[in-house]
Each structure stands twice: as structure tokens, then as C-alpha cells.
PDB file of N, CA and C in Angstrom:
ATOM      1  N   LEU A   1       0.828  -1.187   0.000  1.00  0.00           N
ATOM      2  CA  LEU A   1       0.000   0.000   0.000  1.00  0.00           C
ATOM      3  C   LEU A   1       0.873   1.252   0.000  1.00  0.00           C
ATOM      4  N   GLY A   2       1.970   1.210   0.690  1.00  0.00           N
ATOM      5  CA  GLY A   2       2.869   2.356   0.745  1.00  0.00           C
ATOM      6  C   GLY A   2       3.469   2.688  -0.609  1.00  0.00           C
ATOM      7  N   ILE A   3       3.748   1.660  -1.397  1.00  0.00           N
ATOM      8  CA  ILE A   3       4.308   1.895  -2.736  1.00  0.00           C
ATOM      9  C   ILE A   3       3.312   2.651  -3.602  1.00  0.00           C
ATOM     10  N   TRP A   4       2.037   2.240  -3.534  1.00  0.00           N
ATOM     11  CA  TRP A   4       1.006   2.898  -4.341  1.00  0.00           C
ATOM     12  C   TRP A   4       0.805   4.352  -3.904  1.00  0.00           C
ATOM     13  N   MET A   5       0.852   4.581  -2.595  1.00  0.00           N
ATOM     14  CA  MET A   5       0.717   5.954  -2.114  1.00  0.00           C
ATOM     15  C   MET A   5       1.906   6.804  -2.566  1.00  0.00           C
ATOM     16  N   PHE A   6       3.098   6.235  -2.487  1.00  0.00           N
ATOM     17  CA  PHE A   6       4.283   6.955  -2.944  1.00  0.00           C
ATOM     18  C   PHE A   6       4.173   7.300  -4.423  1.00  0.00           C
ATOM     19  N   LEU A   7       3.766   6.318  -5.235  1.00  0.00           N
ATOM     20  CA  LEU A   7       3.640   6.572  -6.666  1.00  0.00           C
ATOM     21  C   LEU A   7       2.601   7.648  -6.958  1.00  0.00           C
ATOM     22  N   GLY A   8       1.496   7.616  -6.228  1.00  0.00           N
ATOM     23  CA  GLY A   8       0.472   8.636  -6.418  1.00  0.00           C
ATOM     24  C   GLY A   8       0.980  10.024  -6.116  1.00  0.00           C
ATOM     25  N   TYR A   9       1.648  10.172  -4.994  1.00  0.00           N
ATOM     26  CA  TYR A   9       2.206  11.481  -4.620  1.00  0.00           C
ATOM     27  C   TYR A   9       3.311  11.898  -5.586  1.00  0.00           C
ATOM     28  N   ALA A  10       4.146  10.952  -5.989  1.00  0.00           N
ATOM     29  CA  ALA A  10       5.245  11.280  -6.902  1.00  0.00           C
ATOM     30  C   ALA A  10       4.708  11.738  -8.253  1.00  0.00           C
ATOM     31  N   PHE A  11       3.720  11.022  -8.794  1.00  0.00           N
ATOM     32  CA  PHE A  11       3.158  11.428 -10.080  1.00  0.00           C
ATOM     33  C   PHE A  11       2.430  12.765  -9.976  1.00  0.00           C
ATOM     34  N   GLN A  12       1.802  13.026  -8.844  1.00  0.00           N
ATOM     35  CA  GLN A  12       1.150  14.316  -8.669  1.00  0.00           C
ATOM     36  C   GLN A  12       2.200  15.432  -8.613  1.00  0.00           C
ATOM     37  N   ALA A  13       3.285  15.204  -7.929  1.00  0.00           N
ATOM     38  CA  ALA A  13       4.339  16.221  -7.843  1.00  0.00           C
ATOM     39  C   ALA A  13       4.949  16.486  -9.213  1.00  0.00           C
ATOM     40  N   VAL A  14       5.169  15.456  -9.991  1.00  0.00           N
ATOM     41  CA  VAL A  14       5.695  15.638 -11.342  1.00  0.00           C
ATOM     42  C   VAL A  14       4.665  16.356 -12.205  1.00  0.00           C
ATOM     43  N   GLY A  15       3.391  16.002 -12.040  1.00  0.00           N
ATOM     44  CA  GLY A  15       2.334  16.636 -12.811  1.00  0.00           C
ATOM     45  C   GLY A  15       2.163  18.102 -12.504  1.00  0.00           C
ATOM     46  N   LEU A  16       2.514  18.521 -11.303  1.00  0.00           N
ATOM     47  CA  LEU A  16       2.403  19.932 -10.943  1.00  0.00           C
ATOM     48  C   LEU A  16       3.347  20.820 -11.749  1.00  0.00           C
ATOM     49  N   GLU A  17       4.314  20.206 -12.405  1.00  0.00           N
ATOM     50  CA  GLU A  17       5.193  20.978 -13.266  1.00  0.00           C
ATOM     51  C   GLU A  17       4.476  21.407 -14.547  1.00  0.00           C
ATOM     52  N   THR A  18       3.411  20.714 -14.932  1.00  0.00           N
ATOM     53  CA  THR A  18       2.746  20.999 -16.196  1.00  0.00           C
ATOM     54  C   THR A  18       1.298  21.451 -16.049  1.00  0.00           C
ATOM     55  N   THR A  19       0.761  21.517 -14.850  1.00  0.00           N
ATOM     56  CA  THR A  19      -0.616  21.954 -14.661  1.00  0.00           C
ATOM     57  C   THR A  19      -0.735  22.772 -13.380  1.00  0.00           C
ATOM     58  N   THR A  20      -1.883  23.372 -13.176  1.00  0.00           N
ATOM     59  CA  THR A  20      -2.084  24.175 -11.973  1.00  0.00           C
ATOM     60  C   THR A  20      -2.425  23.275 -10.790  1.00  0.00           C
ATOM     61  N   ALA A  21      -2.269  23.799  -9.594  1.00  0.00           N
ATOM     62  CA  ALA A  21      -2.548  23.015  -8.390  1.00  0.00           C
ATOM     63  C   ALA A  21      -4.029  22.678  -8.279  1.00  0.00           C
ATOM     64  N   SER A  22      -4.905  23.589  -8.681  1.00  0.00           N
ATOM     65  CA  SER A  22      -6.344  23.308  -8.582  1.00  0.00           C
ATOM     66  C   SER A  22      -6.748  22.189  -9.525  1.00  0.00           C
ATOM     67  N   ARG A  23      -6.208  22.194 -10.732  1.00  0.00           N
ATOM     68  CA  ARG A  23      -6.523  21.109 -11.666  1.00  0.00           C
ATOM     69  C   ARG A  23      -5.931  19.792 -11.191  1.00  0.00           C
ATOM     70  N   SER A  24      -4.778  19.851 -10.605  1.00  0.00           N
ATOM     71  CA  SER A  24      -4.170  18.642 -10.067  1.00  0.00           C
ATOM     72  C   SER A  24      -5.028  18.035  -8.971  1.00  0.00           C
ATOM     73  N   GLY A  25      -5.579  18.882  -8.112  1.00  0.00           N
ATOM     74  CA  GLY A  25      -6.460  18.391  -7.046  1.00  0.00           C
ATOM     75  C   GLY A  25      -7.708  17.742  -7.589  1.00  0.00           C
ATOM     76  N   PHE A  26      -8.315  18.349  -8.619  1.00  0.00           N
ATOM     77  CA  PHE A  26      -9.502  17.743  -9.212  1.00  0.00           C
ATOM     78  C   PHE A  26      -9.172  16.410  -9.875  1.00  0.00           C
ATOM     79  N   LEU A  27      -8.039  16.339 -10.545  1.00  0.00           N
ATOM     80  CA  LEU A  27      -7.660  15.078 -11.175  1.00  0.00           C
ATOM     81  C   LEU A  27      -7.315  14.007 -10.143  1.00  0.00           C
ATOM     82  N   LEU A  28      -6.735  14.431  -9.032  1.00  0.00           N
ATOM     83  CA  LEU A  28      -6.379  13.488  -7.978  1.00  0.00           C
ATOM     84  C   LEU A  28      -7.620  12.788  -7.439  1.00  0.00           C
ATOM     85  N   TYR A  29      -8.684  13.555  -7.241  1.00  0.00           N
ATOM     86  CA  TYR A  29      -9.896  12.971  -6.680  1.00  0.00           C
ATOM     87  C   TYR A  29     -10.857  12.454  -7.737  1.00  0.00           C
ATOM     88  N   LEU A  30     -10.376  12.335  -8.966  1.00  0.00           N
ATOM     89  CA  LEU A  30     -11.181  11.725 -10.019  1.00  0.00           C
ATOM     90  C   LEU A  30     -11.431  10.246  -9.712  1.00  0.00           C
ATOM     91  N   ASN A  31     -10.540   9.616  -8.954  1.00  0.00           N
ATOM     92  CA  ASN A  31     -10.720   8.204  -8.627  1.00  0.00           C
ATOM     93  C   ASN A  31     -11.999   7.958  -7.839  1.00  0.00           C
ATOM     94  N   VAL A  32     -12.458   8.931  -7.062  1.00  0.00           N
ATOM     95  CA  VAL A  32     -13.708   8.777  -6.311  1.00  0.00           C
ATOM     96  C   VAL A  32     -14.883   8.644  -7.265  1.00  0.00           C
ATOM     97  N   LYS A  33     -14.818   9.322  -8.376  1.00  0.00           N
ATOM     98  CA  LYS A  33     -15.909   9.266  -9.352  1.00  0.00           C
ATOM     99  C   LYS A  33     -15.953   7.943 -10.094  1.00  0.00           C
ATOM    100  N   PHE A  34     -14.857   7.205 -10.101  1.00  0.00           N
ATOM    101  CA  PHE A  34     -14.823   5.923 -10.798  1.00  0.00           C
ATOM    102  C   PHE A  34     -15.345   4.756  -9.972  1.00  0.00           C
ATOM    103  N   VAL A  35     -15.559   4.936  -8.698  1.00  0.00           N
ATOM    104  CA  VAL A  35     -15.980   3.832  -7.831  1.00  0.00           C
ATOM    105  C   VAL A  35     -17.261   3.151  -8.309  1.00  0.00           C
ATOM    106  N   PRO A  36     -18.330   3.881  -8.668  1.00  0.00           N
ATOM    107  CA  PRO A  36     -19.527   3.183  -9.149  1.00  0.00           C
ATOM    108  C   PRO A  36     -19.275   2.377 -10.424  1.00  0.00           C
ATOM    109  N   PHE A  37     -18.446   2.924 -11.308  1.00  0.00           N
ATOM    110  CA  PHE A  37     -18.152   2.204 -12.542  1.00  0.00           C
ATOM    111  C   PHE A  37     -17.382   0.923 -12.261  1.00  0.00           C
ATOM    112  N   PHE A  38     -16.395   0.989 -11.375  1.00  0.00           N
ATOM    113  CA  PHE A  38     -15.639  -0.203 -11.007  1.00  0.00           C
ATOM    114  C   PHE A  38     -16.529  -1.232 -10.311  1.00  0.00           C
ATOM    115  N   SER A  39     -17.406  -0.778  -9.445  1.00  0.00           N
ATOM    116  CA  SER A  39     -18.304  -1.695  -8.745  1.00  0.00           C
ATOM    117  C   SER A  39     -19.196  -2.449  -9.729  1.00  0.00           C
ATOM    118  N   TYR A  40     -19.631  -1.745 -10.749  1.00  0.00           N
ATOM    119  CA  TYR A  40     -20.517  -2.370 -11.729  1.00  0.00           C
ATOM    120  C   TYR A  40     -19.755  -3.328 -12.639  1.00  0.00           C
ATOM    121  N   PHE A  41     -18.653  -2.881 -13.205  1.00  0.00           N
ATOM    122  CA  PHE A  41     -17.943  -3.683 -14.197  1.00  0.00           C
ATOM    123  C   PHE A  41     -17.077  -4.784 -13.602  1.00  0.00           C
ATOM    124  N   ILE A  42     -16.487  -4.568 -12.451  1.00  0.00           N
ATOM    125  CA  ILE A  42     -15.603  -5.575 -11.867  1.00  0.00           C
ATOM    126  C   ILE A  42     -16.354  -6.535 -10.956  1.00  0.00           C
ATOM    127  N   PHE A  43     -17.222  -5.985 -10.094  1.00  0.00           N
ATOM    128  CA  PHE A  43     -17.896  -6.814  -9.102  1.00  0.00           C
ATOM    129  C   PHE A  43     -19.339  -7.147  -9.458  1.00  0.00           C
ATOM    130  N   ALA A  44     -19.823  -6.664 -10.595  1.00  0.00           N
ATOM    131  CA  ALA A  44     -21.185  -6.911 -11.087  1.00  0.00           C
ATOM    132  C   ALA A  44     -22.255  -6.532 -10.063  1.00  0.00           C
ATOM    133  N   LYS A  45     -22.005  -5.463  -9.335  1.00  0.00           N
ATOM    134  CA  LYS A  45     -22.994  -4.972  -8.374  1.00  0.00           C
ATOM    135  C   LYS A  45     -23.991  -4.079  -9.096  1.00  0.00           C
ATOM    136  N   THR A  46     -25.246  -4.161  -8.691  1.00  0.00           N
ATOM    137  CA  THR A  46     -26.244  -3.286  -9.283  1.00  0.00           C
ATOM    138  C   THR A  46     -26.124  -1.900  -8.657  1.00  0.00           C
ATOM    139  N   ILE A  47     -26.145  -0.917  -9.509  1.00  0.00           N
ATOM    140  CA  ILE A  47     -25.972   0.463  -9.084  1.00  0.00           C
ATOM    141  C   ILE A  47     -27.277   1.203  -9.367  1.00  0.00           C
ATOM    142  N   GLN A  48     -27.748   1.979  -8.394  1.00  0.00           N
ATOM    143  CA  GLN A  48     -28.991   2.722  -8.572  1.00  0.00           C
ATOM    144  C   GLN A  48     -28.802   3.824  -9.616  1.00  0.00           C
ATOM    145  N   ARG A  49     -29.913   4.177 -10.251  1.00  0.00           N
ATOM    146  CA  ARG A  49     -29.862   5.187 -11.311  1.00  0.00           C
ATOM    147  C   ARG A  49     -29.353   6.523 -10.784  1.00  0.00           C
ATOM    148  N   ASN A  50     -29.751   6.902  -9.580  1.00  0.00           N
ATOM    149  CA  ASN A  50     -29.278   8.176  -9.013  1.00  0.00           C
ATOM    150  C   ASN A  50     -27.761   8.194  -8.854  1.00  0.00           C
ATOM    151  N   THR A  51     -27.175   7.049  -8.530  1.00  0.00           N
ATOM    152  CA  THR A  51     -25.728   6.960  -8.393  1.00  0.00           C
ATOM    153  C   THR A  51     -25.050   7.129  -9.746  1.00  0.00           C
ATOM    154  N   TRP A  52     -25.621   6.500 -10.775  1.00  0.00           N
ATOM    155  CA  TRP A  52     -25.083   6.648 -12.121  1.00  0.00           C
ATOM    156  C   TRP A  52     -25.127   8.105 -12.565  1.00  0.00           C
ATOM    157  N   ILE A  53     -26.258   8.755 -12.332  1.00  0.00           N
ATOM    158  CA  ILE A  53     -26.418  10.145 -12.753  1.00  0.00           C
ATOM    159  C   ILE A  53     -25.435  11.053 -12.023  1.00  0.00           C
ATOM    160  N   SER A  54     -25.331  10.883 -10.718  1.00  0.00           N
ATOM    161  CA  SER A  54     -24.422  11.747  -9.954  1.00  0.00           C
ATOM    162  C   SER A  54     -22.962  11.473 -10.317  1.00  0.00           C
ATOM    163  N   ALA A  55     -22.592  10.230 -10.563  1.00  0.00           N
ATOM    164  CA  ALA A  55     -21.217   9.919 -10.960  1.00  0.00           C
ATOM    165  C   ALA A  55     -20.909  10.511 -12.331  1.00  0.00           C
ATOM    166  N   PHE A  56     -21.872  10.423 -13.254  1.00  0.00           N
ATOM    167  CA  PHE A  56     -21.656  10.998 -14.580  1.00  0.00           C
ATOM    168  C   PHE A  56     -21.543  12.519 -14.505  1.00  0.00           C
ATOM    169  N   LEU A  57     -22.398  13.161 -13.723  1.00  0.00           N
ATOM    170  CA  LEU A  57     -22.335  14.615 -13.581  1.00  0.00           C
ATOM    171  C   LEU A  57     -21.027  15.059 -12.933  1.00  0.00           C
ATOM    172  N   ALA A  58     -20.560  14.322 -11.928  1.00  0.00           N
ATOM    173  CA  ALA A  58     -19.292  14.654 -11.289  1.00  0.00           C
ATOM    174  C   ALA A  58     -18.136  14.475 -12.268  1.00  0.00           C
ATOM    175  N   PHE A  59     -18.190  13.425 -13.059  1.00  0.00           N
ATOM    176  CA  PHE A  59     -17.158  13.186 -14.068  1.00  0.00           C
ATOM    177  C   PHE A  59     -17.170  14.298 -15.115  1.00  0.00           C
ATOM    178  N   ALA A  60     -18.367  14.674 -15.588  1.00  0.00           N
ATOM    179  CA  ALA A  60     -18.487  15.737 -16.583  1.00  0.00           C
ATOM    180  C   ALA A  60     -18.018  17.077 -16.012  1.00  0.00           C
ATOM    181  N   GLY A  61     -18.360  17.358 -14.766  1.00  0.00           N
ATOM    182  CA  GLY A  61     -17.910  18.593 -14.139  1.00  0.00           C
ATOM    183  C   GLY A  61     -16.404  18.659 -14.016  1.00  0.00           C
ATOM    184  N   THR A  62     -15.800  17.551 -13.676  1.00  0.00           N
ATOM    185  CA  THR A  62     -14.341  17.503 -13.591  1.00  0.00           C
ATOM    186  C   THR A  62     -13.723  17.726 -14.964  1.00  0.00           C
ATOM    187  N   ALA A  63     -14.323  17.125 -15.989  1.00  0.00           N
ATOM    188  CA  ALA A  63     -13.813  17.312 -17.346  1.00  0.00           C
ATOM    189  C   ALA A  63     -13.909  18.776 -17.768  1.00  0.00           C
ATOM    190  N   PHE A  64     -15.024  19.444 -17.441  1.00  0.00           N
ATOM    191  CA  PHE A  64     -15.153  20.863 -17.784  1.00  0.00           C
ATOM    192  C   PHE A  64     -14.108  21.704 -17.058  1.00  0.00           C
ATOM    193  N   LEU A  65     -13.826  21.385 -15.820  1.00  0.00           N
ATOM    194  CA  LEU A  65     -12.836  22.153 -15.067  1.00  0.00           C
ATOM    195  C   LEU A  65     -11.425  21.939 -15.597  1.00  0.00           C
ATOM    196  N   VAL A  66     -11.142  20.739 -16.028  1.00  0.00           N
ATOM    197  CA  VAL A  66      -9.795  20.425 -16.481  1.00  0.00           C
ATOM    198  C   VAL A  66      -9.548  20.939 -17.893  1.00  0.00           C
ATOM    199  N   PHE A  67     -10.533  20.818 -18.755  1.00  0.00           N
ATOM    200  CA  PHE A  67     -10.316  21.132 -20.158  1.00  0.00           C
ATOM    201  C   PHE A  67     -10.865  22.491 -20.567  1.00  0.00           C
ATOM    202  N   ASP A  68     -11.046  23.411 -19.625  1.00  0.00           N
ATOM    203  CA  ASP A  68     -11.463  24.760 -20.017  1.00  0.00           C
ATOM    204  C   ASP A  68     -10.264  25.475 -20.627  1.00  0.00           C
ATOM    205  N   ASN A  69     -10.528  26.507 -21.372  1.00  0.00           N
ATOM    206  CA  ASN A  69      -9.453  27.257 -22.019  1.00  0.00           C
ATOM    207  C   ASN A  69      -9.356  28.668 -21.460  1.00  0.00           C
ATOM    208  N   SER A  70      -9.601  28.818 -20.183  1.00  0.00           N
ATOM    209  CA  SER A  70      -9.594  30.153 -19.583  1.00  0.00           C
ATOM    210  C   SER A  70      -8.216  30.783 -19.578  1.00  0.00           C
ATOM    211  N   ASN A  71      -7.168  29.999 -19.591  1.00  0.00           N
ATOM    212  CA  ASN A  71      -5.824  30.575 -19.579  1.00  0.00           C
ATOM    213  C   ASN A  71      -5.022  30.119 -20.797  1.00  0.00           C
ATOM    214  N   ALA A  72      -5.698  29.833 -21.899  1.00  0.00           N
ATOM    215  CA  ALA A  72      -5.002  29.329 -23.077  1.00  0.00           C
ATOM    216  C   ALA A  72      -4.071  30.371 -23.685  1.00  0.00           C
ATOM    217  N   ASP A  73      -4.375  31.670 -23.529  1.00  0.00           N
ATOM    218  CA  ASP A  73      -3.544  32.705 -24.110  1.00  0.00           C
ATOM    219  C   ASP A  73      -2.445  33.194 -23.169  1.00  0.00           C
ATOM    220  N   ASP A  74      -2.456  32.740 -21.939  1.00  0.00           N
ATOM    221  CA  ASP A  74      -1.477  33.181 -20.953  1.00  0.00           C
ATOM    222  C   ASP A  74      -0.288  32.222 -20.980  1.00  0.00           C
ATOM    223  N   ASP A  75       0.846  32.678 -21.508  1.00  0.00           N
ATOM    224  CA  ASP A  75       2.019  31.807 -21.625  1.00  0.00           C
ATOM    225  C   ASP A  75       2.600  31.420 -20.279  1.00  0.00           C
ATOM    226  N   SER A  76       2.348  32.216 -19.241  1.00  0.00           N
ATOM    227  CA  SER A  76       2.911  31.900 -17.931  1.00  0.00           C
ATOM    228  C   SER A  76       2.139  30.805 -17.224  1.00  0.00           C
ATOM    229  N   ALA A  77       0.965  30.458 -17.730  1.00  0.00           N
ATOM    230  CA  ALA A  77       0.136  29.443 -17.070  1.00  0.00           C
ATOM    231  C   ALA A  77      -0.029  28.221 -17.953  1.00  0.00           C
ATOM    232  N   GLU A  78       1.005  27.852 -18.669  1.00  0.00           N
ATOM    233  CA  GLU A  78       0.935  26.673 -19.515  1.00  0.00           C
ATOM    234  C   GLU A  78       0.707  25.448 -18.638  1.00  0.00           C
ATOM    235  N   ASP A  79      -0.238  24.605 -19.041  1.00  0.00           N
ATOM    236  CA  ASP A  79      -0.460  23.397 -18.255  1.00  0.00           C
ATOM    237  C   ASP A  79      -0.481  22.143 -19.103  1.00  0.00           C
ATOM    238  N   GLY A  80      -0.280  22.237 -20.385  1.00  0.00           N
ATOM    239  CA  GLY A  80      -0.168  21.057 -21.212  1.00  0.00           C
ATOM    240  C   GLY A  80      -1.471  20.383 -21.550  1.00  0.00           C
ATOM    241  N   LEU A  81      -2.590  20.904 -21.090  1.00  0.00           N
ATOM    242  CA  LEU A  81      -3.869  20.254 -21.349  1.00  0.00           C
ATOM    243  C   LEU A  81      -4.639  20.924 -22.473  1.00  0.00           C
ATOM    244  N   GLU A  82      -4.210  22.084 -22.928  1.00  0.00           N
ATOM    245  CA  GLU A  82      -4.918  22.760 -23.999  1.00  0.00           C
ATOM    246  C   GLU A  82      -4.512  22.174 -25.341  1.00  0.00           C
ATOM    247  N   SER A  83      -5.390  22.356 -26.293  1.00  0.00           N
ATOM    248  CA  SER A  83      -5.110  21.936 -27.657  1.00  0.00           C
ATOM    249  C   SER A  83      -4.001  22.813 -28.241  1.00  0.00           C
ATOM    250  N   PRO A  84      -3.111  22.244 -29.009  1.00  0.00           N
ATOM    251  CA  PRO A  84      -2.028  23.049 -29.585  1.00  0.00           C
ATOM    252  C   PRO A  84      -2.500  23.931 -30.729  1.00  0.00           C
ATOM    253  N   PHE A  85      -3.749  23.817 -31.134  1.00  0.00           N
ATOM    254  CA  PHE A  85      -4.254  24.576 -32.294  1.00  0.00           C
ATOM    255  C   PHE A  85      -5.003  25.802 -31.874  1.00  0.00           C
TER     256      PHE A  85
END
């Protein structure tokens, strides 16, 4: 378990070189949004419709926060997630 925690922190620290801290935090907790999907596909557990809807909305909200182009023209805030075009 310690190895996985170390790898998670290490990859987050390396990722902070190319993205903002707020986006890094949202991406870090993206794993919480995957729990219903893993429960369904790996363990074949039935998931209520409200859980599916809330997990999808949380996933979509995270995607909007990560892939916005609010700082695409600011060279000092390069984060590597914007389209090169």
C-alpha cells in the first residue's frame, strides 16, 4: 500500500510541473468518481440510477474544469492540457 501511495504522490508532484494546483487536485480525486463504474464492471454490483447520474455529472464537471481554455492565451500558465491549435 505504501508503494502505491508513494507513486500517487510522486506522479502528482511531477504533474504539478505541467498543470495548476487546482486542476491537479480535481484530477487526484477523479478516482472517487470511478468507484460506481468499477463496482458495476468488476464486481457486477447493481448500481442505482441516481448513483449513475451523480457519478456521470461529477465526471463531466471535472472534465469541464480540467479542459477549459480560460488561460489558453497566458504563456505563464501553460499546463499542457490545452489543444495546440
